[in-house]
C-alpha atoms as a PDB file:
ATOM      1  CA  SER A   1       2.846 -44.585  11.485  1.00  0.00           C
ATOM      2  CA  PHE A   2       1.508 -41.470  10.278  1.00  0.00           C
ATOM      3  CA  LEU A   3      -2.448 -40.765  11.451  1.00  0.00           C
ATOM      4  CA  SER A   4      -5.036 -41.998   8.494  1.00  0.00           C
ATOM      5  CA  GLU A   5      -8.465 -41.448   8.114  1.00  0.00           C
ATOM      6  CA  ALA A   6      -9.279 -45.080   9.644  1.00  0.00           C
ATOM      7  CA  ASP A   7      -7.563 -43.847  12.498  1.00  0.00           C
ATOM      8  CA  ARG A   8      -9.320 -40.700  12.448  1.00  0.00           C
ATOM      9  CA  TYR A   9     -12.637 -41.289  15.158  1.00  0.00           C
ATOM     10  CA  GLU A  10      -9.940 -43.332  17.459  1.00  0.00           C
ATOM     11  CA  ALA A  11      -7.462 -40.423  17.386  1.00  0.00           C
ATOM     12  CA  ILE A  12     -10.543 -37.976  19.011  1.00  0.00           C
ATOM     13  CA  ASP A  13     -11.661 -40.515  21.381  1.00  0.00           C
ATOM     14  CA  LEU A  14      -8.217 -40.923  22.589  1.00  0.00           C
ATOM     15  CA  LEU A  15      -7.575 -36.718  22.373  1.00  0.00           C
ATOM     16  CA  THR A  16     -10.646 -36.162  24.286  1.00  0.00           C
ATOM     17  CA  GLU A  17     -10.244 -38.671  27.399  1.00  0.00           C
ATOM     18  CA  ALA A  18      -6.723 -37.210  27.350  1.00  0.00           C
ATOM     19  CA  PHE A  19      -7.191 -33.545  27.910  1.00  0.00           C
ATOM     20  CA  CYS A  20     -10.723 -33.648  29.102  1.00  0.00           C
ATOM     21  CA  LEU A  21      -9.538 -35.854  32.082  1.00  0.00           C
ATOM     22  CA  ASN A  22      -6.157 -35.003  32.774  1.00  0.00           C
ATOM     23  CA  ASP A  23      -4.846 -31.677  31.271  1.00  0.00           C
ATOM     24  CA  PRO A  24      -5.150 -28.647  33.935  1.00  0.00           C
ATOM     25  CA  ILE A  25      -6.024 -26.108  31.257  1.00  0.00           C
ATOM     26  CA  GLU A  26      -9.219 -28.571  30.208  1.00  0.00           C
ATOM     27  CA  ILE A  27     -10.228 -28.916  33.548  1.00  0.00           C
ATOM     28  CA  ALA A  28      -9.900 -25.587  35.044  1.00  0.00           C
ATOM     29  CA  LEU A  29     -12.097 -24.263  31.844  1.00  0.00           C
ATOM     30  CA  ARG A  30     -14.889 -27.229  32.551  1.00  0.00           C
ATOM     31  CA  ILE A  31     -14.677 -27.653  28.818  1.00  0.00           C
ATOM     32  CA  THR A  32     -16.480 -30.540  28.213  1.00  0.00           C
ATOM     33  CA  PRO A  33     -16.392 -33.839  25.927  1.00  0.00           C
ATOM     34  CA  ASP A  34     -18.647 -32.801  23.355  1.00  0.00           C
ATOM     35  CA  GLU A  35     -17.249 -29.478  23.441  1.00  0.00           C
ATOM     36  CA  PHE A  36     -13.319 -30.543  22.722  1.00  0.00           C
ATOM     37  CA  ARG A  37     -14.457 -32.814  19.621  1.00  0.00           C
ATOM     38  CA  LYS A  38     -16.139 -30.320  18.193  1.00  0.00           C
ATOM     39  CA  MET A  39     -13.265 -28.327  18.027  1.00  0.00           C
ATOM     40  CA  ILE A  40     -10.518 -31.016  16.999  1.00  0.00           C
ATOM     41  CA  GLU A  41     -12.067 -32.527  14.472  1.00  0.00           C
ATOM     42  CA  PRO A  42     -11.636 -29.555  11.941  1.00  0.00           C
ATOM     43  CA  GLU A  43      -8.425 -29.733  13.308  1.00  0.00           C
ATOM     44  CA  LEU A  44      -7.823 -33.481  11.885  1.00  0.00           C
ATOM     45  CA  ASP A  45      -8.416 -32.187   8.383  1.00  0.00           C
ATOM     46  CA  ALA A  46      -5.537 -30.594   7.879  1.00  0.00           C
ATOM     47  CA  VAL A  47      -2.754 -33.059  10.009  1.00  0.00           C
ATOM     48  CA  LEU A  48      -4.391 -35.671   7.853  1.00  0.00           C
ATOM     49  CA  HIS A  49      -3.560 -33.730   4.600  1.00  0.00           C
ATOM     50  CA  ASN A  50       0.072 -32.835   5.510  1.00  0.00           C
ATOM     51  CA  ASN A  51       0.221 -35.930   7.170  1.00  0.00           C
ATOM     52  CA  LEU A  52       1.454 -33.982  10.225  1.00  0.00           C
ATOM     53  CA  SER A  53       1.313 -36.666  13.103  1.00  0.00           C
ATOM     54  CA  LEU A  54       2.397 -39.739  14.775  1.00  0.00           C
ATOM     55  CA  VAL A  55       0.750 -42.877  16.263  1.00  0.00           C
ATOM     56  CA  ALA A  56       1.760 -44.659  19.080  1.00  0.00           C
ATOM     57  CA  ARG A  57      -0.056 -47.974  18.636  1.00  0.00           C
ATOM     58  CA  GLU A  58       0.322 -51.360  21.348  1.00  0.00           C
ATOM     59  CA  VAL A  59       1.533 -53.669  20.618  1.00  0.00           C
ATOM     60  CA  GLY A  60      -0.022 -57.477  20.190  1.00  0.00           C
ATOM     61  CA  SER A  61      -3.410 -55.296  20.134  1.00  0.00           C
ATOM     62  CA  GLY A  62      -2.833 -52.616  17.705  1.00  0.00           C
ATOM     63  CA  ARG A  63      -4.834 -50.414  19.816  1.00  0.00           C
ATOM     64  CA  MET A  64      -3.842 -46.092  19.723  1.00  0.00           C
ATOM     65  CA  VAL A  65      -2.457 -45.234  22.361  1.00  0.00           C
ATOM     66  CA  GLY A  66      -0.589 -42.470  21.854  1.00  0.00           C
ATOM     67  CA  VAL A  67      -1.215 -39.355  18.843  1.00  0.00           C
ATOM     68  CA  LEU A  68       1.303 -36.416  18.340  1.00  0.00           C
ATOM     69  CA  LEU A  69      -0.905 -33.944  15.820  1.00  0.00           C
ATOM     70  CA  ALA A  70       1.009 -31.131  14.989  1.00  0.00           C
ATOM     71  CA  ALA A  71       0.522 -27.443  13.034  1.00  0.00           C
ATOM     72  CA  ASP A  72       2.042 -26.028   9.903  1.00  0.00           C
ATOM     73  CA  ALA A  73       2.188 -22.309  11.420  1.00  0.00           C
ATOM     74  CA  LEU A  74       3.462 -21.446   7.337  1.00  0.00           C
ATOM     75  CA  SER A  75      -0.038 -23.190   6.109  1.00  0.00           C
ATOM     76  CA  GLU A  76      -3.660 -21.435   5.934  1.00  0.00           C
ATOM     77  CA  SER A  77      -5.364 -21.821  10.033  1.00  0.00           C
ATOM     78  CA  VAL A  78      -8.089 -23.953  10.020  1.00  0.00           C
ATOM     79  CA  ASP A  79     -11.089 -22.097  12.045  1.00  0.00           C
ATOM     80  CA  SER A  80     -11.803 -24.399  14.191  1.00  0.00           C
ATOM     81  CA  CYS A  81     -12.852 -21.631  17.397  1.00  0.00           C
ATOM     82  CA  SER A  82     -15.813 -21.076  15.264  1.00  0.00           C
ATOM     83  CA  ALA A  83     -17.504 -24.317  15.667  1.00  0.00           C
ATOM     84  CA  ALA A  84     -15.864 -24.645  19.145  1.00  0.00           C
ATOM     85  CA  SER A  85     -17.022 -23.650  22.708  1.00  0.00           C
ATOM     86  CA  ARG A  86     -16.364 -19.982  23.704  1.00  0.00           C
ATOM     87  CA  LYS A  87     -14.808 -21.656  26.423  1.00  0.00           C
ATOM     88  CA  PHE A  88     -11.923 -22.107  24.332  1.00  0.00           C
ATOM     89  CA  ASP A  89     -10.766 -18.382  24.361  1.00  0.00           C
ATOM     90  CA  PRO A  90      -8.363 -18.114  26.615  1.00  0.00           C
ATOM     91  CA  ILE A  91      -6.495 -21.355  25.187  1.00  0.00           C
ATOM     92  CA  SER A  92      -6.566 -19.847  21.782  1.00  0.00           C
END
């Protein structure tokens, strides 16, 4: 299914955990969960508006176990970097 507004904070928590604890770039740059949340939250508005997502849920419990967010290269870019930590500069 697509990500919905009701899924927003569950998706943010899942992505924050996945990237801050497991992604080599975020670990090397010492990006904190709070810094990651400030970067990803504005991105979700465009994703929700354009249905550019997929959500995987565990059968039975309904718990979100995966989320895929895509960016539309032809749409206006979200300036999430202005709210994000300067630690994201090498990624941007």
